[in-house]
Amino acid sequence: MTASFAQFAFPPQQPTSRTAAPVALSRVIGLTFLFATLALAAASPRAAEKPLPPNPEIAAAEAALARAESADAQQYAADVLLRARSALGQAQAKWAERRKPDAVALAQLAAAEADYAYARSREAAVQSDLRLRRAEIRELRMKLDMEPDAGVRP
C-alpha cells in the first residue's frame, strides 16, 4: 500500500525559525511606515493649509467678463476679450499661489479689459442700429419723394 497523508497523525511540517517571524513583521511595519511617509510627502504642502477665501476683485473681474460675453464682445472686441481672459487666469493663478497684491492688480486689469470689451461691443451694436435706422429714414424719404439731405445726416 502506498503511503498517504491520511496515515500520518499530523501532516509533516517545514521546520520554522522562531526569529524569522519578528524580522518579517518588522520589515512589513517599516515598509508601511515608509509608504505612509512618502504618501504624505507627495501630498501638496498647501493641502494642509486652510482653503483660500474668495477674492472680491477676482469675482468682480469674472462678473465683468460674463457681462462682456453676454454683449457679444467675442464678435466685436475679440482681442480685448482675450486679454481680459488671460489677465483673469493669471490673477487666479497668483491668488492660488497666495500672492495677493499681484492677484488683485491682475484682477483689476482683467475687469478693466472686460469693461472695455463690453463698451466696444455696445458701441458696435448701437452703430449697427443707427445704420439701420438711417437706411429706414432714407427709404421712407424716397417713398415720400423728399430730398435725401433734408435735416438728417447720412
C-alpha atoms as a PDB file:
ATOM      1  CA  MET A   1       0.000   0.000   0.000  1.00  0.00           C
ATOM      2  CA  THR A   2       1.185   3.454  -0.764  1.00  0.00           C
ATOM      3  CA  ALA A   3       1.723   5.963   1.961  1.00  0.00           C
ATOM      4  CA  SER A   4      -0.762   8.801   2.110  1.00  0.00           C
ATOM      5  CA  PHE A   5      -1.120  11.818   4.285  1.00  0.00           C
ATOM      6  CA  ALA A   6      -4.185  10.284   5.883  1.00  0.00           C
ATOM      7  CA  GLN A   7      -1.989   7.726   7.645  1.00  0.00           C
ATOM      8  CA  PHE A   8       0.029  10.343   9.497  1.00  0.00           C
ATOM      9  CA  ALA A   9      -1.256  11.712  12.784  1.00  0.00           C
ATOM     10  CA  PHE A  10      -0.155  15.220  11.816  1.00  0.00           C
ATOM     11  CA  PRO A  11       0.853  16.365   8.378  1.00  0.00           C
ATOM     12  CA  PRO A  12       4.597  16.903   8.053  1.00  0.00           C
ATOM     13  CA  GLN A  13       5.648  20.495   8.657  1.00  0.00           C
ATOM     14  CA  GLN A  14       8.584  22.504   7.493  1.00  0.00           C
ATOM     15  CA  PRO A  15      10.987  23.452  10.215  1.00  0.00           C
ATOM     16  CA  THR A  16      10.330  27.053  11.243  1.00  0.00           C
ATOM     17  CA  SER A  17      12.589  29.519  12.839  1.00  0.00           C
ATOM     18  CA  ARG A  18      11.208  31.466  15.755  1.00  0.00           C
ATOM     19  CA  THR A  19      13.318  34.507  14.834  1.00  0.00           C
ATOM     20  CA  ALA A  20      12.057  34.737  11.241  1.00  0.00           C
ATOM     21  CA  ALA A  21       8.538  35.953  12.155  1.00  0.00           C
ATOM     22  CA  PRO A  22       9.598  39.042  14.151  1.00  0.00           C
ATOM     23  CA  VAL A  23      12.056  40.065  11.418  1.00  0.00           C
ATOM     24  CA  ALA A  24       9.387  39.759   8.708  1.00  0.00           C
ATOM     25  CA  LEU A  25       6.882  41.664  10.850  1.00  0.00           C
ATOM     26  CA  SER A  26       9.350  44.482  11.450  1.00  0.00           C
ATOM     27  CA  ARG A  27      10.008  44.693   7.694  1.00  0.00           C
ATOM     28  CA  VAL A  28       6.282  44.964   6.984  1.00  0.00           C
ATOM     29  CA  ILE A  29       5.880  47.672   9.615  1.00  0.00           C
ATOM     30  CA  GLY A  30       8.922  49.523   8.293  1.00  0.00           C
ATOM     31  CA  LEU A  31       7.704  49.392   4.697  1.00  0.00           C
ATOM     32  CA  THR A  32       4.229  50.528   5.753  1.00  0.00           C
ATOM     33  CA  PHE A  33       5.731  53.481   7.611  1.00  0.00           C
ATOM     34  CA  LEU A  34       7.925  54.293   4.600  1.00  0.00           C
ATOM     35  CA  PHE A  35       4.992  54.241   2.163  1.00  0.00           C
ATOM     36  CA  ALA A  36       2.844  56.330   4.512  1.00  0.00           C
ATOM     37  CA  THR A  37       5.634  58.900   4.824  1.00  0.00           C
ATOM     38  CA  LEU A  38       6.094  59.027   1.051  1.00  0.00           C
ATOM     39  CA  ALA A  39       2.358  59.460   0.518  1.00  0.00           C
ATOM     40  CA  LEU A  40       2.260  62.377   2.934  1.00  0.00           C
ATOM     41  CA  ALA A  41       5.340  63.929   1.366  1.00  0.00           C
ATOM     42  CA  ALA A  42       3.822  63.601  -2.096  1.00  0.00           C
ATOM     43  CA  ALA A  43       0.693  65.441  -0.980  1.00  0.00           C
ATOM     44  CA  SER A  44       0.777  69.148  -1.679  1.00  0.00           C
ATOM     45  CA  PRO A  45       2.156  71.204   1.185  1.00  0.00           C
ATOM     46  CA  ARG A  46      -0.751  73.606   0.616  1.00  0.00           C
ATOM     47  CA  ALA A  47      -3.284  70.830   1.221  1.00  0.00           C
ATOM     48  CA  ALA A  48      -2.794  71.084   4.963  1.00  0.00           C
ATOM     49  CA  GLU A  49      -3.460  74.833   4.931  1.00  0.00           C
ATOM     50  CA  LYS A  50      -6.931  76.272   5.191  1.00  0.00           C
ATOM     51  CA  PRO A  51      -8.741  76.963   1.897  1.00  0.00           C
ATOM     52  CA  LEU A  52      -8.420  80.332   0.250  1.00  0.00           C
ATOM     53  CA  PRO A  53     -11.155  82.858   0.982  1.00  0.00           C
ATOM     54  CA  PRO A  54     -12.972  84.271  -2.030  1.00  0.00           C
ATOM     55  CA  ASN A  55     -11.357  87.310  -3.580  1.00  0.00           C
ATOM     56  CA  PRO A  56     -13.807  90.163  -4.341  1.00  0.00           C
ATOM     57  CA  GLU A  57     -11.590  91.599  -7.093  1.00  0.00           C
ATOM     58  CA  ILE A  58     -11.473  88.277  -8.933  1.00  0.00           C
ATOM     59  CA  ALA A  59     -15.234  87.888  -8.506  1.00  0.00           C
ATOM     60  CA  ALA A  60     -15.754  91.388  -9.949  1.00  0.00           C
ATOM     61  CA  ALA A  61     -13.496  90.559 -12.905  1.00  0.00           C
ATOM     62  CA  GLU A  62     -15.434  87.348 -13.550  1.00  0.00           C
ATOM     63  CA  ALA A  63     -18.713  89.290 -13.486  1.00  0.00           C
ATOM     64  CA  ALA A  64     -17.335  91.925 -15.885  1.00  0.00           C
ATOM     65  CA  LEU A  65     -16.126  89.181 -18.216  1.00  0.00           C
ATOM     66  CA  ALA A  66     -19.532  87.489 -18.152  1.00  0.00           C
ATOM     67  CA  ARG A  67     -21.240  90.822 -18.927  1.00  0.00           C
ATOM     68  CA  ALA A  68     -18.907  91.429 -21.875  1.00  0.00           C
ATOM     69  CA  GLU A  69     -19.516  87.932 -23.227  1.00  0.00           C
ATOM     70  CA  SER A  70     -23.272  88.425 -22.962  1.00  0.00           C
ATOM     71  CA  ALA A  71     -22.952  91.610 -25.057  1.00  0.00           C
ATOM     72  CA  ASP A  72     -21.340  89.675 -27.947  1.00  0.00           C
ATOM     73  CA  ALA A  73     -17.860  91.008 -27.224  1.00  0.00           C
ATOM     74  CA  GLN A  74     -16.458  87.874 -28.849  1.00  0.00           C
ATOM     75  CA  GLN A  75     -17.745  89.205 -32.163  1.00  0.00           C
ATOM     76  CA  TYR A  76     -16.988  92.909 -31.759  1.00  0.00           C
ATOM     77  CA  ALA A  77     -13.950  93.012 -29.429  1.00  0.00           C
ATOM     78  CA  ALA A  78     -12.338  89.573 -29.532  1.00  0.00           C
ATOM     79  CA  ASP A  79      -8.792  90.851 -28.944  1.00  0.00           C
ATOM     80  CA  VAL A  80      -9.749  92.802 -25.831  1.00  0.00           C
ATOM     81  CA  LEU A  81     -11.822  89.923 -24.517  1.00  0.00           C
ATOM     82  CA  LEU A  82      -8.867  87.581 -24.976  1.00  0.00           C
ATOM     83  CA  ARG A  83      -6.637  89.936 -22.970  1.00  0.00           C
ATOM     84  CA  ALA A  84      -9.256  90.083 -20.217  1.00  0.00           C
ATOM     85  CA  ARG A  85      -9.477  86.285 -20.026  1.00  0.00           C
ATOM     86  CA  SER A  86      -5.708  85.995 -19.909  1.00  0.00           C
ATOM     87  CA  ALA A  87      -5.403  88.555 -17.116  1.00  0.00           C
ATOM     88  CA  LEU A  88      -8.161  86.808 -15.163  1.00  0.00           C
ATOM     89  CA  GLY A  89      -6.399  83.444 -15.499  1.00  0.00           C
ATOM     90  CA  GLN A  90      -3.147  84.985 -14.293  1.00  0.00           C
ATOM     91  CA  ALA A  91      -4.955  86.617 -11.367  1.00  0.00           C
ATOM     92  CA  GLN A  92      -6.471  83.292 -10.345  1.00  0.00           C
ATOM     93  CA  ALA A  93      -3.047  81.630 -10.546  1.00  0.00           C
ATOM     94  CA  LYS A  94      -1.454  84.356  -8.405  1.00  0.00           C
ATOM     95  CA  TRP A  95      -4.294  84.031  -5.886  1.00  0.00           C
ATOM     96  CA  ALA A  96      -3.712  80.259  -5.704  1.00  0.00           C
ATOM     97  CA  GLU A  97      -0.020  80.962  -5.080  1.00  0.00           C
ATOM     98  CA  ARG A  98      -1.136  83.281  -2.253  1.00  0.00           C
ATOM     99  CA  ARG A  99       0.376  86.346  -3.928  1.00  0.00           C
ATOM    100  CA  LYS A 100      -2.479  88.692  -3.105  1.00  0.00           C
ATOM    101  CA  PRO A 101      -1.065  92.044  -4.368  1.00  0.00           C
ATOM    102  CA  ASP A 102      -0.287  90.564  -7.786  1.00  0.00           C
ATOM    103  CA  ALA A 103      -3.657  88.796  -7.903  1.00  0.00           C
ATOM    104  CA  VAL A 104      -5.559  91.980  -7.052  1.00  0.00           C
ATOM    105  CA  ALA A 105      -3.690  94.043  -9.673  1.00  0.00           C
ATOM    106  CA  LEU A 106      -4.273  91.432 -12.380  1.00  0.00           C
ATOM    107  CA  ALA A 107      -7.937  91.052 -11.415  1.00  0.00           C
ATOM    108  CA  GLN A 108      -8.425  94.804 -11.696  1.00  0.00           C
ATOM    109  CA  LEU A 109      -6.712  94.765 -15.097  1.00  0.00           C
ATOM    110  CA  ALA A 110      -8.991  91.898 -16.210  1.00  0.00           C
ATOM    111  CA  ALA A 111     -12.075  93.804 -15.037  1.00  0.00           C
ATOM    112  CA  ALA A 112     -10.966  96.946 -16.887  1.00  0.00           C
ATOM    113  CA  GLU A 113     -10.280  94.991 -20.091  1.00  0.00           C
ATOM    114  CA  ALA A 114     -13.662  93.236 -19.816  1.00  0.00           C
ATOM    115  CA  ASP A 115     -15.421  96.577 -19.292  1.00  0.00           C
ATOM    116  CA  TYR A 116     -13.650  97.970 -22.359  1.00  0.00           C
ATOM    117  CA  ALA A 117     -14.715  94.919 -24.392  1.00  0.00           C
ATOM    118  CA  TYR A 118     -18.295  95.457 -23.196  1.00  0.00           C
ATOM    119  CA  ALA A 119     -18.161  99.139 -24.215  1.00  0.00           C
ATOM    120  CA  ARG A 120     -16.756  98.328 -27.663  1.00  0.00           C
ATOM    121  CA  SER A 121     -19.393  95.680 -28.162  1.00  0.00           C
ATOM    122  CA  ARG A 122     -22.198  98.018 -27.159  1.00  0.00           C
ATOM    123  CA  GLU A 123     -20.776 100.747 -29.420  1.00  0.00           C
ATOM    124  CA  ALA A 124     -20.737  98.365 -32.376  1.00  0.00           C
ATOM    125  CA  ALA A 125     -24.311  97.276 -31.670  1.00  0.00           C
ATOM    126  CA  VAL A 126     -25.505 100.903 -31.398  1.00  0.00           C
ATOM    127  CA  GLN A 127     -23.655 101.870 -34.588  1.00  0.00           C
ATOM    128  CA  SER A 128     -25.278  98.961 -36.399  1.00  0.00           C
ATOM    129  CA  ASP A 129     -28.699 100.003 -35.125  1.00  0.00           C
ATOM    130  CA  LEU A 130     -28.017 103.588 -36.178  1.00  0.00           C
ATOM    131  CA  ARG A 131     -27.106 102.472 -39.708  1.00  0.00           C
ATOM    132  CA  LEU A 132     -30.353 100.503 -39.904  1.00  0.00           C
ATOM    133  CA  ARG A 133     -32.424 103.474 -38.742  1.00  0.00           C
ATOM    134  CA  ARG A 134     -30.729 105.810 -41.236  1.00  0.00           C
ATOM    135  CA  ALA A 135     -31.385 103.325 -44.019  1.00  0.00           C
ATOM    136  CA  GLU A 136     -35.048 103.211 -42.984  1.00  0.00           C
ATOM    137  CA  ILE A 137     -35.233 107.002 -42.998  1.00  0.00           C
ATOM    138  CA  ARG A 138     -33.666 107.147 -46.490  1.00  0.00           C
ATOM    139  CA  GLU A 139     -36.152 104.576 -47.724  1.00  0.00           C
ATOM    140  CA  LEU A 140     -39.110 106.481 -46.257  1.00  0.00           C
ATOM    141  CA  ARG A 141     -37.839 109.750 -47.764  1.00  0.00           C
ATOM    142  CA  MET A 142     -37.572 108.111 -51.139  1.00  0.00           C
ATOM    143  CA  LYS A 143     -41.150 106.887 -50.833  1.00  0.00           C
ATOM    144  CA  LEU A 144     -42.289 110.390 -49.940  1.00  0.00           C
ATOM    145  CA  ASP A 145     -40.162 111.960 -52.691  1.00  0.00           C
ATOM    146  CA  MET A 146     -38.214 114.096 -50.258  1.00  0.00           C
ATOM    147  CA  GLU A 147     -34.689 115.412 -50.512  1.00  0.00           C
ATOM    148  CA  PRO A 148     -32.148 112.877 -49.126  1.00  0.00           C
ATOM    149  CA  ASP A 149     -30.274 115.519 -47.067  1.00  0.00           C
ATOM    150  CA  ALA A 150     -33.199 117.385 -45.547  1.00  0.00           C
ATOM    151  CA  GLY A 151     -32.168 117.632 -41.927  1.00  0.00           C
ATOM    152  CA  VAL A 152     -30.644 114.163 -41.426  1.00  0.00           C
ATOM    153  CA  ARG A 153     -27.023 113.230 -41.753  1.00  0.00           C
ATOM    154  CA  PRO A 154     -26.244 110.211 -43.925  1.00  0.00           C
END
